Amino acid sequence: MSENILRIGNDYSFFLTENYEIKHQLWDRLRFRDKNYFHNRAYKMRKWDGYIVFFAIETGKFLTGLLPEVCAVLKHFKIEYKVEDTRQKTPFVYNEIDQNFLNQWLPAKSLSGKPMKPVTLFDYQVELINKVMKHRRGIIYAPTSAGKSMIMLGILKTIPAGTPTLVLQNRVTLAQQNYDEFKNWGIPNLGSLWGGNCNPNIITVASVQSIAKMEDQLSKIRVLIVDEIHDMMSALPKAVYKRLKMCDVRVAVSATPFKFGGKDNVQKFQVKGNFGPILKIESAEKGILTTAELQERGILSDSHCTFYPIDEPMIPHDIYIDAVTRGIAESYHFHNIVTRLAKKQTGRTLILVDRIAHGDALHNLLPGSVWVQGKDNATTRKGVIRQLQDTKGNIVAIATQQIFNTGVNVFVHNLINAAGGQADHQIIQRMGRGLRTADDKEGLKYYDFLFRINDYLEDHSKKRIKILKDEGHEVVIKEGIDF
């Protein structure tokens, strides 16, 4: 019998064997039903069985990030094999770093203009940077506000000068934020590629929507860092990952890398396939940081979550889309409650909405409020973000949830979720917008609503309550409006 070979590449690997039984085992264990497959036309017409396959039974091809899964199956069946690693590995400047690592590049001032004090990296930040240098790829799974930008910065500082590197994200606001941070810390040869910026360089911070402008450079990229990976697994970013044939260092970052609490196996294995497994750390009780742990350590703010009931208009027969429109976006009763709640708050308040009409209505009802939406440019968004970071006194900002669901640094005292929602990753990311600590802040007051006017809306409200409780937040459900 011919020799079994595990051939490892940067993007794809192959298990070459004549043993059909083991290939069938790998194929069967690495295929999953697509989310909502039963709604797919091809499935209804019996032209597709609903499965997405991650191991090609004919060729033995699979995404390199799934090496741990493939090796585990081979070990289970006691299959011997020879490894052929064809990757040309990018060297790192350091073998490991410590908590004072970044201070050799300490900038004189922060982005807000304040004098910078020496930075002591948290133990988990040190561990994660060292894990990346050791394993070369993986998922950095850490709560929102855990200091992921410092982790990404640390990774960039360990890479040899002149190494083609891409820092990729889905949103212009996030690209601008990361670029500003890296520039302030003196990252050399730093390029920008988003919106009207088209200045790629050795290290390029880019939005995925603009990546076509550096198409000819993708084949040279050796290091890839993807921020907020849960937003970066659609067709466009996956097409980018496939073009990075020379890229052997691949890191994905997110507080919620796997959507729907990891129940979407297709999305989960696509993330793992492109980037590898979650990087486990010793400084977390179960190997993965939690919000509750960081709150106990004082790294994140304490939180107090309050849900208020919404009992009108009663729309029990509305389908979901109509219920959102009539019960949330265009409901004067709901607008009135949110307005009164916002006026009661002191400090920096952020209201998240899902529809433009809802934001317009609240903006009119709250004189002096700031209203930012998708059509606003980067300068406008940056101005609002700065107000939610630095304003002393009272300010109310209204924003569509897409802008503030992911990765944006603000230091709010109060967060009002008027956008509904039910997905784990969205609720956790949204909550994370308010958990950042600040000198003038004791904790976060999070407000949400239990919609008892429609079965769909009520079910989503209860899911939000469960998600927050599972994350370790204190949740109080009010019997009525008490303000």
Protein backbone atom coordinates (compact mmCIF):
# COMPACT_ATOMS: atom_id res chain seq x y z
CA MET A 1 0.00 0.00 0.00
CA SER A 2 1.28 3.49 -0.84
CA GLU A 3 2.27 5.95 1.91
CA ASN A 4 -0.27 8.33 3.45
CA ILE A 5 0.83 11.97 3.08
CA LEU A 6 -0.40 15.10 4.86
CA ARG A 7 0.69 17.98 2.64
CA ILE A 8 0.35 21.38 4.35
CA GLY A 9 0.01 24.69 2.50
CA ASN A 10 -0.75 28.26 3.55
CA ASP A 11 -4.36 28.24 2.42
CA TYR A 12 -5.23 24.61 1.62
CA SER A 13 -3.79 21.30 2.70
CA PHE A 14 -4.25 17.74 1.37
CA PHE A 15 -4.48 14.32 2.91
CA LEU A 16 -3.29 11.99 0.16
CA THR A 17 -4.19 8.34 0.62
CA GLU A 18 -5.67 5.34 -1.13
CA ASN A 19 -7.59 4.46 2.02
CA TYR A 20 -11.13 5.29 0.98
CA GLU A 21 -12.59 4.48 4.42
CA ILE A 22 -10.56 7.17 6.23
CA LYS A 23 -11.34 9.70 3.50
CA HIS A 24 -15.02 8.91 3.95
CA GLN A 25 -14.70 9.38 7.71
CA LEU A 26 -13.07 12.79 7.23
CA TRP A 27 -15.69 13.79 4.67
CA ASP A 28 -18.54 12.71 6.94
CA ARG A 29 -17.17 14.41 10.07
CA LEU A 30 -16.33 17.65 8.29
CA ARG A 31 -19.65 18.44 6.65
CA PHE A 32 -22.49 20.42 8.17
CA ARG A 33 -25.96 21.47 7.25
CA ASP A 34 -26.08 25.11 6.17
CA LYS A 35 -28.11 27.44 8.37
CA ASN A 36 -31.69 27.65 7.03
CA TYR A 37 -30.84 25.12 4.31
CA PHE A 38 -34.50 24.06 4.19
CA HIS A 39 -35.42 27.46 2.69
CA ASN A 40 -32.96 27.02 -0.16
CA ARG A 41 -34.53 26.52 -3.58
CA ALA A 42 -32.01 23.83 -4.55
CA TYR A 43 -32.83 21.86 -1.39
CA LYS A 44 -36.56 22.15 -2.02
CA MET A 45 -36.01 20.87 -5.56
CA ARG A 46 -33.89 17.98 -4.18
CA LYS A 47 -30.83 19.11 -6.11
CA TRP A 48 -28.81 19.71 -2.91
CA ASP A 49 -28.80 17.87 0.41
CA GLY A 50 -28.17 21.02 2.47
CA TYR A 51 -24.59 20.12 3.47
CA ILE A 52 -21.48 22.27 3.17
CA VAL A 53 -18.46 19.96 2.89
CA PHE A 54 -15.06 20.91 4.37
CA PHE A 55 -13.11 17.84 3.22
CA ALA A 56 -13.12 16.88 -0.46
CA ILE A 57 -13.34 13.10 -0.59
CA GLU A 58 -11.99 12.90 -4.14
CA THR A 59 -8.85 15.03 -3.68
CA GLY A 60 -8.31 15.09 0.11
CA LYS A 61 -8.33 18.90 0.03
CA PHE A 62 -9.28 20.97 3.10
CA LEU A 63 -8.69 24.42 4.57
CA THR A 64 -5.38 24.45 6.47
CA GLY A 65 -6.97 25.88 9.61
CA LEU A 66 -8.77 22.56 10.03
CA LEU A 67 -5.51 20.65 10.56
CA PRO A 68 -6.34 19.98 14.24
CA GLU A 69 -9.65 18.37 13.27
CA VAL A 70 -8.10 16.29 10.51
CA CYS A 71 -5.20 15.15 12.71
CA ALA A 72 -7.63 14.25 15.50
CA VAL A 73 -9.57 11.94 13.16
CA LEU A 74 -6.36 10.34 11.88
CA LYS A 75 -5.18 9.77 15.45
CA HIS A 76 -8.55 8.28 16.45
CA PHE A 77 -8.33 5.71 13.64
CA LYS A 78 -4.59 5.16 14.26
CA ILE A 79 -3.64 6.20 10.74
CA GLU A 80 0.09 6.75 10.20
CA TYR A 81 1.18 9.41 7.74
CA LYS A 82 4.11 11.48 6.55
CA VAL A 83 3.97 15.31 6.86
CA GLU A 84 5.09 17.51 3.96
CA ASP A 85 5.01 21.14 5.10
CA THR A 86 5.35 23.30 1.97
CA ARG A 87 4.94 26.64 3.76
CA GLN A 88 7.71 29.25 3.68
CA LYS A 89 7.39 30.55 7.23
CA THR A 90 7.65 34.23 8.07
CA PRO A 91 10.17 34.75 10.90
CA PHE A 92 9.31 36.76 14.01
CA VAL A 93 11.73 39.26 15.52
CA TYR A 94 11.09 37.94 19.06
CA ASN A 95 10.66 34.52 20.59
CA GLU A 96 8.35 35.94 23.26
CA ILE A 97 7.39 39.29 24.76
CA ASP A 98 6.56 40.54 28.26
CA GLN A 99 4.12 43.01 29.79
CA ASN A 100 6.41 46.01 29.14
CA PHE A 101 7.03 45.11 25.50
CA LEU A 102 5.26 48.08 23.92
CA ASN A 103 6.93 50.76 26.03
CA GLN A 104 9.99 50.87 23.77
CA TRP A 105 7.72 52.61 21.24
CA LEU A 106 5.61 54.60 23.73
CA PRO A 107 4.18 57.70 21.99
CA ALA A 108 4.35 61.08 23.69
CA LYS A 109 0.59 61.56 23.54
CA SER A 110 -2.55 59.47 23.15
CA LEU A 111 -4.98 60.00 20.28
CA SER A 112 -6.96 62.34 22.52
CA GLY A 113 -3.87 64.48 23.07
CA LYS A 114 -3.22 63.44 26.66
CA PRO A 115 0.35 62.57 27.79
CA MET A 116 0.94 58.82 27.56
CA LYS A 117 1.83 56.82 30.65
CA PRO A 118 3.83 53.60 30.33
CA VAL A 119 1.65 50.71 29.15
CA THR A 120 1.58 47.47 31.10
CA LEU A 121 0.01 44.74 28.98
CA PHE A 122 -2.43 42.46 30.75
CA ASP A 123 -1.36 38.86 31.25
CA TYR A 124 -3.84 37.61 28.66
CA GLN A 125 -2.60 40.14 26.08
CA VAL A 126 0.98 38.92 26.58
CA GLU A 127 -0.15 35.30 26.30
CA LEU A 128 -2.12 35.86 23.12
CA ILE A 129 0.71 37.71 21.36
CA ASN A 130 3.12 34.92 22.34
CA LYS A 131 0.61 32.30 21.14
CA VAL A 132 0.46 33.97 17.72
CA MET A 133 4.27 33.88 17.44
CA LYS A 134 4.27 30.21 18.45
CA HIS A 135 1.37 28.90 16.38
CA ARG A 136 1.38 31.46 13.53
CA ARG A 137 -2.38 31.35 13.12
CA GLY A 138 -5.49 31.21 15.26
CA ILE A 139 -8.51 33.01 16.65
CA ILE A 140 -8.11 35.67 19.34
CA TYR A 141 -11.36 35.28 21.26
CA ALA A 142 -11.66 38.08 23.84
CA PRO A 143 -14.54 40.21 25.12
CA THR A 144 -15.25 43.63 23.70
CA SER A 145 -13.07 46.23 25.44
CA ALA A 146 -10.45 43.64 26.45
CA GLY A 147 -7.77 45.62 24.61
CA LYS A 148 -7.68 43.78 21.30
CA SER A 149 -6.16 46.81 19.53
CA MET A 150 -3.11 46.50 21.81
CA ILE A 151 -2.89 42.81 20.95
CA MET A 152 -2.95 43.59 17.22
CA LEU A 153 -0.39 46.34 17.76
CA GLY A 154 1.83 43.91 19.67
CA ILE A 155 1.62 41.39 16.82
CA LEU A 156 2.62 44.05 14.29
CA LYS A 157 5.62 44.99 16.44
CA THR A 158 6.89 41.38 16.38
CA ILE A 159 6.98 41.17 12.56
CA PRO A 160 10.24 41.91 10.70
CA ALA A 161 10.42 45.27 8.91
CA GLY A 162 9.41 45.02 5.27
CA THR A 163 6.99 42.08 5.75
CA PRO A 164 3.91 42.61 3.53
CA THR A 165 1.00 42.72 5.98
CA LEU A 166 -2.75 43.29 5.67
CA VAL A 167 -5.04 44.41 8.51
CA LEU A 168 -8.55 43.89 7.20
CA GLN A 169 -11.97 44.90 8.54
CA ASN A 170 -15.52 45.37 7.34
CA ARG A 171 -16.21 48.96 8.44
CA VAL A 172 -14.63 52.27 7.53
CA THR A 173 -15.00 53.52 11.12
CA LEU A 174 -13.05 50.53 12.42
CA ALA A 175 -10.37 50.88 9.74
CA GLN A 176 -9.87 54.54 10.63
CA GLN A 177 -9.72 53.72 14.34
CA ASN A 178 -7.11 50.98 13.88
CA TYR A 179 -5.04 53.08 11.47
CA ASP A 180 -4.96 56.04 13.86
CA GLU A 181 -3.86 53.80 16.75
CA PHE A 182 -1.11 52.09 14.76
CA LYS A 183 0.16 55.38 13.35
CA ASN A 184 0.29 56.93 16.81
CA TRP A 185 2.48 54.02 17.96
CA GLY A 186 4.89 54.52 15.10
CA ILE A 187 4.17 51.53 12.87
CA PRO A 188 6.43 52.18 9.85
CA ASN A 189 5.35 52.03 6.21
CA LEU A 190 1.69 52.16 7.22
CA GLY A 191 -0.85 52.42 4.43
CA SER A 192 -4.58 53.17 4.31
CA LEU A 193 -7.19 51.77 1.95
CA TRP A 194 -10.84 52.63 2.53
CA GLY A 195 -13.38 55.08 1.20
CA GLY A 196 -11.42 57.91 -0.44
CA ASN A 197 -8.09 56.69 0.93
CA CYS A 198 -6.00 54.67 -1.51
CA ASN A 199 -2.48 54.53 -0.11
CA PRO A 200 -1.45 50.86 0.31
CA ASN A 201 2.00 50.25 1.77
CA ILE A 202 4.08 47.46 3.32
CA ILE A 203 1.52 47.29 6.17
CA THR A 204 -1.94 48.22 4.90
CA VAL A 205 -5.06 48.86 6.99
CA ALA A 206 -7.96 48.26 4.60
CA SER A 207 -11.70 47.88 4.43
CA VAL A 208 -12.68 44.74 2.57
CA GLN A 209 -14.88 46.80 0.25
CA SER A 210 -11.80 48.60 -1.12
CA ILE A 211 -9.49 45.61 -1.38
CA ALA A 212 -9.78 45.36 -5.18
CA LYS A 213 -7.60 48.49 -5.39
CA MET A 214 -4.60 46.42 -4.23
CA GLU A 215 -5.48 43.21 -6.05
CA ASP A 216 -2.01 42.94 -7.61
CA GLN A 217 -0.38 43.00 -4.14
CA LEU A 218 -2.44 40.27 -2.47
CA SER A 219 -0.21 37.45 -3.67
CA LYS A 220 2.71 39.02 -1.73
CA ILE A 221 0.96 39.32 1.66
CA ARG A 222 2.71 37.27 4.36
CA VAL A 223 0.73 38.34 7.46
CA LEU A 224 -3.05 38.76 7.73
CA ILE A 225 -4.94 40.18 10.73
CA VAL A 226 -8.74 40.35 10.42
CA ASP A 227 -10.58 42.48 12.96
CA GLU A 228 -14.12 41.48 13.99
CA ILE A 229 -14.02 38.22 12.06
CA HIS A 230 -17.74 37.53 12.65
CA ASP A 231 -18.44 40.31 10.11
CA MET A 232 -15.82 39.00 7.68
CA MET A 233 -17.00 35.62 6.44
CA SER A 234 -19.21 36.65 3.52
CA ALA A 235 -18.29 35.90 -0.10
CA LEU A 236 -16.03 38.96 -0.59
CA PRO A 237 -13.62 38.47 2.35
CA LYS A 238 -13.49 34.70 1.75
CA ALA A 239 -12.45 35.41 -1.84
CA VAL A 240 -9.65 37.62 -0.46
CA TYR A 241 -8.40 34.87 1.87
CA LYS A 242 -8.12 32.49 -1.09
CA ARG A 243 -5.86 34.95 -2.93
CA LEU A 244 -3.32 35.11 -0.11
CA LYS A 245 -1.20 32.19 -1.33
CA MET A 246 1.99 33.38 0.45
CA CYS A 247 0.27 34.27 3.73
CA ASP A 248 1.34 31.89 6.50
CA VAL A 249 0.51 34.08 9.54
CA ARG A 250 -3.27 34.43 9.81
CA VAL A 251 -5.02 35.88 12.85
CA ALA A 252 -8.73 36.52 13.40
CA VAL A 253 -9.95 38.79 16.20
CA SER A 254 -13.40 39.06 17.77
CA ALA A 255 -15.43 38.99 20.97
CA THR A 256 -17.90 36.80 19.07
CA PRO A 257 -16.02 34.88 16.35
CA PHE A 258 -18.79 32.30 15.97
CA LYS A 259 -22.29 33.53 15.22
CA PHE A 260 -25.41 32.41 17.06
CA GLY A 261 -23.39 31.14 20.01
CA GLY A 262 -21.45 28.71 17.83
CA LYS A 263 -24.60 26.90 16.69
CA ASP A 264 -23.93 27.81 13.05
CA ASN A 265 -21.37 25.09 12.32
CA VAL A 266 -20.82 26.20 8.74
CA GLN A 267 -19.80 29.71 9.80
CA LYS A 268 -17.72 28.31 12.68
CA PHE A 269 -15.75 25.92 10.45
CA GLN A 270 -15.28 28.57 7.80
CA VAL A 271 -13.64 30.79 10.43
CA LYS A 272 -11.55 27.94 11.82
CA GLY A 273 -10.69 26.71 8.35
CA ASN A 274 -9.25 30.04 7.30
CA PHE A 275 -7.59 30.98 10.60
CA GLY A 276 -7.20 27.93 12.79
CA PRO A 277 -8.47 27.14 16.30
CA ILE A 278 -9.17 29.46 19.22
CA LEU A 279 -5.94 30.36 21.01
CA LYS A 280 -6.45 29.13 24.58
CA ILE A 281 -4.70 30.92 27.46
CA GLU A 282 -3.74 29.98 31.03
CA SER A 283 -4.76 33.35 32.50
CA ALA A 284 -8.45 32.58 31.90
CA GLU A 285 -10.26 30.00 34.00
CA LYS A 286 -11.51 27.96 31.04
CA GLY A 287 -8.89 29.03 28.52
CA ILE A 288 -11.09 31.76 27.05
CA LEU A 289 -11.66 35.17 28.59
CA THR A 290 -15.16 36.10 29.71
CA THR A 291 -16.81 39.45 30.36
CA ALA A 292 -17.49 38.46 33.97
CA GLU A 293 -13.79 37.73 34.58
CA LEU A 294 -12.73 41.12 33.21
CA GLN A 295 -15.40 42.88 35.28
CA GLU A 296 -14.12 41.14 38.41
CA ARG A 297 -10.62 42.36 37.59
CA GLY A 298 -11.83 45.93 37.04
CA ILE A 299 -10.78 45.92 33.39
CA LEU A 300 -14.39 46.30 32.25
CA SER A 301 -17.11 48.37 33.87
CA ASP A 302 -19.74 46.84 36.09
CA SER A 303 -23.11 46.63 34.40
CA HIS A 304 -26.73 46.96 35.42
CA CYS A 305 -29.33 45.93 32.84
CA THR A 306 -32.94 47.04 33.03
CA PHE A 307 -35.78 45.88 30.77
CA TYR A 308 -39.00 47.92 30.59
CA PRO A 309 -42.28 46.45 29.26
CA ILE A 310 -43.84 47.71 26.05
CA ASP A 311 -47.56 46.93 25.97
CA GLU A 312 -48.85 48.92 23.01
CA PRO A 313 -49.79 48.93 20.23
CA MET A 314 -51.03 45.35 20.40
CA ILE A 315 -50.17 43.76 17.03
CA PRO A 316 -50.42 40.00 17.68
CA HIS A 317 -51.03 39.02 14.07
CA ASP A 318 -48.24 41.02 12.42
CA ILE A 319 -45.42 39.11 10.76
CA TYR A 320 -41.95 39.97 12.04
CA ILE A 321 -41.06 42.73 9.53
CA ASP A 322 -44.38 44.48 10.05
CA ALA A 323 -44.08 44.10 13.83
CA VAL A 324 -40.69 45.85 13.81
CA THR A 325 -42.11 48.65 11.69
CA ARG A 326 -45.34 49.23 13.60
CA GLY A 327 -44.18 48.22 17.08
CA ILE A 328 -40.71 49.80 17.12
CA ALA A 329 -39.63 52.01 14.21
CA GLU A 330 -42.90 53.89 13.75
CA SER A 331 -44.51 53.56 17.18
CA TYR A 332 -45.07 56.94 18.82
CA HIS A 333 -45.69 55.16 22.13
CA PHE A 334 -42.25 53.54 21.97
CA HIS A 335 -40.61 56.79 20.78
CA ASN A 336 -42.12 58.58 23.76
CA ILE A 337 -40.82 56.02 26.27
CA VAL A 338 -37.30 56.05 24.78
CA THR A 339 -37.29 59.86 24.76
CA ARG A 340 -38.36 60.10 28.39
CA LEU A 341 -35.80 57.49 29.39
CA ALA A 342 -33.00 59.32 27.55
CA LYS A 343 -33.89 62.66 29.13
CA LYS A 344 -33.68 61.04 32.57
CA GLN A 345 -30.03 60.02 32.08
CA THR A 346 -26.90 61.93 33.05
CA GLY A 347 -23.56 61.69 31.30
CA ARG A 348 -22.89 60.21 27.85
CA THR A 349 -25.88 58.31 26.45
CA LEU A 350 -25.98 56.23 23.27
CA ILE A 351 -29.27 55.11 21.72
CA LEU A 352 -29.08 52.36 19.10
CA VAL A 353 -31.81 52.08 16.46
CA ASP A 354 -32.39 49.75 13.53
CA ARG A 355 -34.32 51.96 11.12
CA ILE A 356 -33.60 55.46 9.79
CA ALA A 357 -37.20 56.51 10.46
CA HIS A 358 -36.79 55.57 14.11
CA GLY A 359 -33.60 57.61 14.43
CA ASP A 360 -35.21 60.60 12.70
CA ALA A 361 -38.16 60.50 15.10
CA LEU A 362 -36.00 60.30 18.22
CA HIS A 363 -33.69 63.04 16.96
CA ASN A 364 -36.68 65.36 16.57
CA LEU A 365 -37.95 64.48 20.05
CA LEU A 366 -34.55 65.02 21.68
CA PRO A 367 -33.37 68.57 20.90
CA GLY A 368 -29.60 68.85 20.96
CA SER A 369 -29.06 65.14 20.31
CA VAL A 370 -26.49 63.91 17.78
CA TRP A 371 -27.76 61.58 15.06
CA VAL A 372 -25.33 59.48 12.97
CA GLN A 373 -26.28 56.96 10.31
CA GLY A 374 -24.81 54.94 7.46
CA LYS A 375 -24.79 57.78 4.91
CA ASP A 376 -22.60 59.98 7.14
CA ASN A 377 -18.93 60.17 6.19
CA ALA A 378 -15.96 59.09 8.28
CA THR A 379 -15.34 62.62 9.56
CA THR A 380 -18.88 62.94 10.91
CA ARG A 381 -18.74 59.51 12.54
CA LYS A 382 -15.35 60.24 14.06
CA GLY A 383 -16.72 63.46 15.56
CA VAL A 384 -19.61 61.63 17.23
CA ILE A 385 -17.31 58.92 18.53
CA ARG A 386 -15.01 61.57 20.01
CA GLN A 387 -17.97 63.20 21.79
CA LEU A 388 -18.91 59.83 23.29
CA GLN A 389 -15.34 59.47 24.53
CA ASP A 390 -14.54 62.91 25.90
CA THR A 391 -17.68 64.96 26.59
CA LYS A 392 -18.04 66.13 30.18
CA GLY A 393 -21.67 66.66 31.09
CA ASN A 394 -24.71 65.34 29.29
CA ILE A 395 -24.87 64.26 25.66
CA VAL A 396 -27.29 61.99 23.79
CA ALA A 397 -26.16 60.31 20.57
CA ILE A 398 -28.46 58.29 18.33
CA ALA A 399 -26.93 55.84 15.86
CA THR A 400 -27.95 53.00 13.61
CA GLN A 401 -26.85 49.74 15.20
CA GLN A 402 -24.59 48.80 12.27
CA ILE A 403 -22.21 51.65 13.12
CA PHE A 404 -21.80 50.81 16.79
CA ASN A 405 -22.38 47.04 16.84
CA THR A 406 -18.71 46.31 16.27
CA GLY A 407 -15.33 47.43 17.49
CA VAL A 408 -15.83 51.17 18.02
CA ASN A 409 -14.27 52.64 21.18
CA VAL A 410 -16.70 54.79 23.16
CA PHE A 411 -17.00 55.44 26.89
CA VAL A 412 -20.71 55.80 27.54
CA HIS A 413 -22.48 55.87 30.88
CA ASN A 414 -25.83 54.79 29.46
CA LEU A 415 -26.73 52.52 26.55
CA ILE A 416 -30.33 52.30 25.33
CA ASN A 417 -30.99 49.43 22.94
CA ALA A 418 -33.97 50.54 20.88
CA ALA A 419 -32.99 48.27 17.98
CA GLY A 420 -34.25 44.92 19.30
CA GLY A 421 -32.37 41.90 18.00
CA GLN A 422 -31.84 38.28 19.02
CA ALA A 423 -28.47 37.09 17.69
CA ASP A 424 -25.88 36.33 20.38
CA HIS A 425 -23.01 38.03 18.58
CA GLN A 426 -25.00 41.22 17.97
CA ILE A 427 -26.21 41.56 21.56
CA ILE A 428 -22.78 40.83 23.05
CA GLN A 429 -21.06 43.27 20.68
CA ARG A 430 -23.72 45.91 21.33
CA MET A 431 -23.38 45.54 25.08
CA GLY A 432 -19.63 45.80 24.72
CA ARG A 433 -19.92 49.35 23.44
CA GLY A 434 -20.67 50.45 26.99
CA LEU A 435 -18.33 48.29 29.05
CA ARG A 436 -15.20 50.35 28.54
CA THR A 437 -13.98 52.03 31.69
CA ALA A 438 -13.44 55.79 32.06
CA ASP A 439 -12.21 58.12 34.82
CA ASP A 440 -15.67 59.67 35.21
CA LYS A 441 -17.61 56.41 35.07
CA GLU A 442 -18.55 53.94 37.80
CA GLY A 443 -20.41 51.49 35.58
CA LEU A 444 -22.75 51.01 32.65
CA LYS A 445 -26.52 51.39 32.77
CA TYR A 446 -27.97 49.30 29.96
CA TYR A 447 -31.63 49.73 29.06
CA ASP A 448 -33.71 47.46 26.88
CA PHE A 449 -37.36 46.55 26.36
CA LEU A 450 -39.61 43.54 26.77
CA PHE A 451 -42.05 43.85 23.87
CA ARG A 452 -45.29 42.14 24.90
CA ILE A 453 -47.17 43.33 21.82
CA ASN A 454 -46.20 40.59 19.37
CA ASP A 455 -44.97 37.00 19.71
CA TYR A 456 -41.93 37.59 17.49
CA LEU A 457 -40.82 40.71 19.33
CA GLU A 458 -41.46 39.13 22.74
CA ASP A 459 -39.46 36.03 21.82
CA HIS A 460 -36.53 38.21 20.72
CA SER A 461 -36.73 40.23 23.94
CA LYS A 462 -36.54 37.04 26.02
CA LYS A 463 -33.56 35.85 23.99
CA ARG A 464 -31.74 39.13 24.73
CA ILE A 465 -32.45 38.68 28.44
CA LYS A 466 -31.07 35.13 28.35
CA ILE A 467 -27.94 36.17 26.42
CA LEU A 468 -27.16 38.94 28.91
CA LYS A 469 -27.71 36.65 31.90
CA ASP A 470 -25.53 33.96 30.32
CA GLU A 471 -22.79 36.58 29.91
CA GLY A 472 -22.94 37.25 33.65
CA HIS A 473 -24.77 40.59 33.63
CA GLU A 474 -27.27 41.57 36.29
CA VAL A 475 -30.72 41.89 34.68
CA VAL A 476 -33.81 43.48 36.23
CA ILE A 477 -37.20 43.21 34.50
CA LYS A 478 -39.60 45.98 35.47
CA GLU A 479 -43.35 45.44 35.80
CA GLY A 480 -44.11 48.87 34.38
CA ILE A 481 -42.67 52.21 33.37
CA ASP A 482 -41.39 53.91 36.51
CA PHE A 483 -40.13 57.21 35.12
